[in-house]
Protein backbone atom coordinates (compact mmCIF):
# COMPACT_ATOMS: atom_id res chain seq x y z
CA LYS A 1 -7.23 -26.01 -1.88
CA SER A 2 -8.69 -25.47 1.57
CA PHE A 3 -8.71 -22.40 3.76
CA ILE A 4 -7.40 -24.39 6.70
CA SER A 5 -4.25 -25.41 4.84
CA CYS A 6 -2.71 -22.08 5.78
CA ASN A 7 -3.96 -22.06 9.34
CA ILE A 8 -2.10 -25.15 10.52
CA ARG A 9 1.62 -24.55 10.81
CA ASP A 10 4.30 -27.25 10.92
CA PRO A 11 6.69 -26.33 13.79
CA TYR A 12 9.51 -28.30 12.16
CA LEU A 13 9.62 -26.34 8.91
CA ASN A 14 13.07 -25.00 8.11
CA ILE A 15 12.65 -21.31 7.28
CA LEU A 16 16.27 -20.42 6.55
CA GLY A 17 16.43 -18.79 3.13
CA ASP A 18 12.75 -19.40 2.36
CA SER A 19 11.54 -16.11 0.90
CA MET A 20 8.45 -15.67 -1.25
CA ASN A 21 9.32 -16.13 -4.89
CA ILE A 22 7.63 -13.24 -6.71
CA SER A 23 7.63 -15.06 -10.05
CA ASP A 24 4.10 -16.15 -11.01
CA LYS A 25 2.58 -14.59 -7.89
CA VAL A 26 -0.57 -12.51 -8.30
CA VAL A 27 -0.25 -8.97 -6.97
CA LEU A 28 -3.22 -6.71 -6.29
CA ILE A 29 -2.20 -3.02 -6.25
CA THR A 30 -4.61 -0.26 -5.30
CA GLY A 31 -3.81 3.11 -6.83
CA GLY A 32 -1.79 1.07 -9.29
CA ALA A 33 -2.37 3.28 -12.32
CA SER A 34 0.06 6.02 -11.32
CA GLY A 35 2.77 7.13 -8.92
CA LEU A 36 3.98 4.70 -6.26
CA GLY A 37 1.51 2.01 -7.31
CA LEU A 38 2.50 2.00 -10.98
CA ALA A 39 6.22 1.96 -10.16
CA THR A 40 5.60 -1.02 -7.89
CA ALA A 41 3.58 -2.77 -10.58
CA LYS A 42 6.41 -2.34 -13.09
CA ARG A 43 9.07 -3.63 -10.71
CA LEU A 44 7.13 -6.70 -9.58
CA LEU A 45 6.10 -7.46 -13.15
CA ALA A 46 9.79 -7.47 -14.09
CA GLU A 47 10.27 -10.10 -11.38
CA GLY A 48 7.67 -12.32 -13.04
CA ALA A 49 4.54 -11.35 -11.12
CA LYS A 50 1.04 -11.01 -12.52
CA ILE A 51 -0.46 -7.62 -11.73
CA MET A 52 -4.02 -6.52 -11.08
CA VAL A 53 -4.34 -2.75 -10.99
CA LEU A 54 -7.18 -1.31 -8.93
CA ASP A 55 -7.94 2.33 -9.59
CA MET A 56 -10.80 4.81 -9.81
CA ASN A 57 -9.65 6.35 -13.09
CA GLU A 58 -10.39 4.00 -15.97
CA ASP A 59 -8.37 5.94 -18.54
CA ASN A 60 -5.30 5.81 -16.30
CA ALA A 61 -5.88 2.14 -15.52
CA LYS A 62 -6.11 1.24 -19.22
CA GLU A 63 -2.94 3.19 -19.97
CA ALA A 64 -1.13 1.47 -17.10
CA VAL A 65 -2.11 -1.98 -18.34
CA ASN A 66 -1.03 -1.04 -21.86
CA GLN A 67 2.40 -0.27 -20.41
CA LEU A 68 2.49 -3.42 -18.29
CA GLY A 69 1.45 -5.88 -20.97
CA ASN A 70 -0.28 -9.25 -21.07
CA ASP A 71 0.45 -10.27 -17.47
CA ALA A 72 -1.58 -7.36 -16.13
CA GLY A 73 -5.23 -6.47 -15.82
CA TYR A 74 -7.28 -3.77 -14.18
CA ALA A 75 -10.49 -3.32 -12.23
CA ILE A 76 -12.24 -0.08 -11.39
CA ALA A 77 -12.85 0.03 -7.66
CA ASN A 78 -13.67 2.45 -4.88
CA VAL A 79 -11.63 1.21 -1.92
CA THR A 80 -14.18 2.58 0.55
CA GLU A 81 -17.01 0.41 -0.78
CA GLU A 82 -17.20 -3.27 0.12
CA ASP A 83 -19.11 -4.42 -2.98
CA SER A 84 -16.77 -2.49 -5.27
CA VAL A 85 -13.67 -4.14 -3.81
CA GLN A 86 -15.34 -7.56 -3.73
CA ASN A 87 -16.07 -7.23 -7.44
CA ALA A 88 -12.46 -6.25 -8.11
CA ILE A 89 -11.20 -9.24 -6.15
CA LYS A 90 -13.55 -11.51 -8.08
CA ALA A 91 -12.20 -10.05 -11.32
CA THR A 92 -8.66 -10.79 -10.09
CA LEU A 93 -9.54 -14.38 -9.25
CA ASP A 94 -11.33 -14.85 -12.58
CA LYS A 95 -8.29 -13.59 -14.49
CA PHE A 96 -5.40 -14.99 -12.47
CA GLY A 97 -6.88 -17.59 -10.11
CA ALA A 98 -5.47 -16.31 -6.78
CA ILE A 99 -4.14 -13.36 -4.79
CA HIS A 100 -0.75 -13.74 -3.13
CA ILE A 101 0.30 -10.12 -2.51
CA ALA A 102 -1.67 -6.93 -1.87
CA VAL A 103 -0.07 -3.49 -2.02
CA ASN A 104 -2.24 -0.61 -0.82
CA CYS A 105 -1.18 2.62 -2.53
CA ALA A 106 -4.58 4.27 -2.98
CA GLY A 107 -4.93 7.44 -0.96
CA THR A 108 -5.47 11.15 -1.06
CA GLY A 109 -4.54 14.31 0.81
CA PHE A 110 -6.36 17.34 2.13
CA ALA A 111 -5.20 20.45 3.98
CA SER A 112 -7.33 22.47 6.39
CA LYS A 113 -6.60 23.95 9.77
CA THR A 114 -8.69 22.78 12.70
CA VAL A 115 -10.00 26.32 12.97
CA GLY A 116 -9.19 28.62 10.07
CA LYS A 117 -10.28 31.93 8.60
CA GLU A 118 -13.45 30.33 7.25
CA GLY A 119 -14.32 28.67 10.56
CA PRO A 120 -13.87 25.15 11.92
CA HIS A 121 -12.58 22.25 9.82
CA VAL A 122 -15.42 20.75 7.77
CA LEU A 123 -16.24 17.47 9.48
CA ASP A 124 -17.27 15.71 6.26
CA HIS A 125 -13.85 16.51 4.75
CA PHE A 126 -12.13 14.94 7.76
CA LYS A 127 -14.32 11.84 7.51
CA LEU A 128 -13.66 11.51 3.77
CA ILE A 129 -9.87 11.47 4.17
CA VAL A 130 -10.03 8.92 6.98
CA ASP A 131 -12.47 6.83 4.97
CA ILE A 132 -10.24 6.68 1.89
CA ASN A 133 -6.81 6.40 3.49
CA LEU A 134 -7.58 4.29 6.54
CA SER A 135 -10.89 2.50 6.08
CA GLY A 136 -10.13 1.93 2.39
CA THR A 137 -6.79 0.32 3.22
CA PHE A 138 -8.40 -1.94 5.81
CA ASN A 139 -11.28 -2.82 3.47
CA VAL A 140 -8.94 -4.03 0.74
CA LEU A 141 -6.51 -5.90 2.97
CA ARG A 142 -9.20 -7.78 4.92
CA LEU A 143 -10.87 -9.03 1.74
CA ALA A 144 -7.55 -9.85 0.07
CA ALA A 145 -6.35 -11.68 3.19
CA PHE A 146 -9.42 -13.91 3.12
CA GLU A 147 -8.47 -15.06 -0.37
CA MET A 148 -4.79 -15.44 0.58
CA GLY A 149 -5.90 -17.88 3.24
CA LYS A 150 -6.88 -20.30 0.48
CA ASN A 151 -3.40 -20.40 -1.04
CA GLU A 152 -1.08 -23.36 -0.76
CA PRO A 153 1.62 -22.38 1.75
CA GLU A 154 5.21 -21.74 0.78
CA LYS A 155 8.00 -23.78 2.37
CA ASP A 156 7.89 -21.71 5.58
CA GLY A 157 4.09 -21.73 5.70
CA GLU A 158 3.70 -18.31 4.09
CA CYS A 159 0.48 -17.76 2.19
CA GLY A 160 0.52 -14.04 1.48
CA VAL A 161 2.07 -10.62 2.00
CA ILE A 162 0.35 -7.27 2.51
CA VAL A 163 2.15 -3.93 2.13
CA ASN A 164 0.34 -0.76 3.18
CA THR A 165 1.25 2.88 2.58
CA ALA A 166 1.26 5.39 5.43
CA SER A 167 3.27 8.64 5.49
CA VAL A 168 5.82 10.45 7.61
CA ALA A 169 2.86 12.71 8.43
CA ALA A 170 1.76 9.89 10.73
CA TYR A 171 4.61 10.97 13.01
CA ASP A 172 5.21 14.67 12.35
CA GLY A 173 2.23 16.06 10.50
CA GLN A 174 2.26 19.73 9.63
CA MET A 175 -0.29 22.44 10.33
CA GLY A 176 -3.43 21.74 8.35
CA GLN A 177 -2.77 18.00 8.17
CA ALA A 178 -5.03 16.84 10.99
CA ALA A 179 -7.17 14.62 8.74
CA TYR A 180 -4.28 13.29 6.66
CA SER A 181 -2.06 12.63 9.67
CA ALA A 182 -4.87 10.91 11.56
CA SER A 183 -5.61 8.65 8.62
CA LYS A 184 -1.97 7.68 8.11
CA SER A 185 -1.37 7.24 11.85
CA GLY A 186 -4.26 4.80 11.77
CA VAL A 187 -2.53 2.77 9.06
CA VAL A 188 0.63 2.64 11.19
CA GLY A 189 -1.33 1.78 14.32
CA MET A 190 -3.21 -1.14 12.80
CA THR A 191 -0.15 -2.76 11.21
CA LEU A 192 0.96 -4.82 14.22
CA PRO A 193 -2.51 -5.92 15.37
CA ILE A 194 -3.36 -7.09 11.86
CA ALA A 195 -0.02 -8.89 11.56
CA ARG A 196 -0.90 -10.67 14.79
CA ASP A 197 -4.41 -11.45 13.55
CA LEU A 198 -3.16 -12.95 10.30
CA ALA A 199 -0.12 -14.80 11.66
CA ARG A 200 -2.06 -18.04 12.00
CA MET A 201 -2.86 -17.83 8.29
CA GLY A 202 0.76 -17.35 7.25
CA ILE A 203 0.19 -13.77 6.06
CA ARG A 204 2.71 -11.02 6.79
CA VAL A 205 1.70 -7.36 7.06
CA ASN A 206 4.04 -4.38 6.83
CA THR A 207 3.71 -0.67 6.14
CA ILE A 208 5.90 1.85 4.33
CA ALA A 209 5.80 5.46 5.55
CA PRO A 210 7.13 7.52 2.61
CA GLY A 211 8.51 11.00 2.88
CA ILE A 212 8.13 13.47 0.01
CA PHE A 213 8.03 11.57 -3.28
CA ASP A 214 7.98 12.61 -6.91
CA THR A 215 4.41 11.56 -7.64
CA PRO A 216 1.70 13.17 -9.80
CA MET A 217 0.16 14.69 -6.66
CA MET A 218 3.46 16.33 -5.69
CA ALA A 219 4.05 17.43 -9.29
CA ARG A 220 0.92 19.59 -9.01
CA ALA A 221 2.28 21.36 -5.94
CA PRO A 222 3.86 24.80 -6.48
CA ASP A 223 7.54 25.41 -5.78
CA ARG A 224 6.66 27.29 -2.57
CA VAL A 225 5.28 23.99 -1.23
CA ARG A 226 7.87 21.61 -2.70
CA ASP A 227 11.07 23.53 -1.98
CA PRO A 228 10.74 23.76 1.83
CA LEU A 229 9.96 20.03 1.99
CA ILE A 230 13.07 19.20 -0.01
CA GLU A 231 15.06 21.46 2.32
CA MET A 232 13.76 19.48 5.33
CA THR A 233 14.99 16.25 3.72
CA GLN A 234 18.46 15.56 5.10
CA PHE A 235 20.07 13.31 2.49
CA PRO A 236 19.75 12.85 -0.38
CA LYS A 237 18.29 16.33 -0.68
CA ARG A 238 15.66 15.65 -3.29
CA LEU A 239 12.24 14.09 -3.73
CA GLY A 240 12.03 10.35 -3.34
CA SER A 241 11.67 8.27 -6.48
CA PRO A 242 8.66 5.96 -6.88
CA GLU A 243 11.16 3.29 -7.96
CA GLU A 244 12.71 3.51 -4.48
CA PHE A 245 9.32 2.81 -2.94
CA ALA A 246 8.92 -0.13 -5.32
CA ALA A 247 12.35 -1.47 -4.35
CA LEU A 248 11.42 -1.47 -0.67
CA THR A 249 8.12 -3.16 -1.45
CA GLN A 250 10.01 -5.93 -3.22
CA HIS A 251 12.36 -6.33 -0.27
CA ILE A 252 9.43 -6.61 2.16
CA ILE A 253 7.88 -9.31 0.01
CA GLU A 254 11.12 -11.26 -0.24
CA ASN A 255 12.26 -10.96 3.39
CA PRO A 256 10.35 -13.68 5.30
CA PHE A 257 11.16 -12.37 8.79
CA LEU A 258 9.92 -8.83 8.17
CA ASN A 259 6.47 -8.62 9.73
CA GLY A 260 4.33 -6.18 11.71
CA GLU A 261 6.66 -3.28 10.98
CA THR A 262 6.39 0.27 9.63
CA ILE A 263 9.45 1.49 7.73
CA ARG A 264 10.10 5.18 7.11
CA LEU A 265 11.43 5.82 3.61
CA ASP A 266 12.14 9.51 3.77
CA GLY A 267 15.76 10.67 3.45
CA ALA A 268 15.67 11.41 7.22
CA ILE A 269 13.09 14.17 6.83
CA ARG A 270 11.48 15.47 10.00
CA MET A 271 8.77 17.84 8.95
CA GLN A 272 8.55 21.22 10.64
CA ALA A 273 5.25 22.66 11.81
CA LYS A 274 4.72 24.45 8.51
């Protein structure tokens, strides 16, 4: 297999109906031990994929793989560190031989006003959120894309699919969400340029911007935080289900003409200032 095999495209290929077959594809999922990532792992595994879970929490990662079974593995990785992700990708290649799909679900949140009662926003906290949510996403996708470039192309020349996770906060972040909104806006903003960069390699790049979902992070939030967010959600008036995120991820993978796009998955929520 050569890297250039996915860089040269045959203009006469018939693309009608040629979607990526998930069966036997290797999927790398960051934050795959819980929440949106684990739901996605379960859904794609049910479609015949092989799953590599990347997570910081080894206990959670082991438990996730126990649930997923023999066609899954895990690697402990810090998405912000190049060597850590490189080692995780090597572990994926050693176990499964390739990477066809990367789903970036790893991320974190932080709330602090630009100037609050305790003074100005701590700069290191801002940098940390941007580093994890934005730089970490880019770090993983760039290294995964390099390996995808070595794959044999599908019938329409496709060699890989990348799905990133942003947030509706990228568009209407609330008070105290400067760092989080900036990081997620960055994920949205880089989606099209990266899709353009990787087009010659037959790699599609899309982003999901979830609304308020029923994840472990949201489960820790008190009712005074959760209830107003549910009220802002138009219909259905509830938290989103991780399985709904997983369903959209599957559709993105299987729809060959969906590229360079960010899709809001949010029950029509438009978040108020606070």
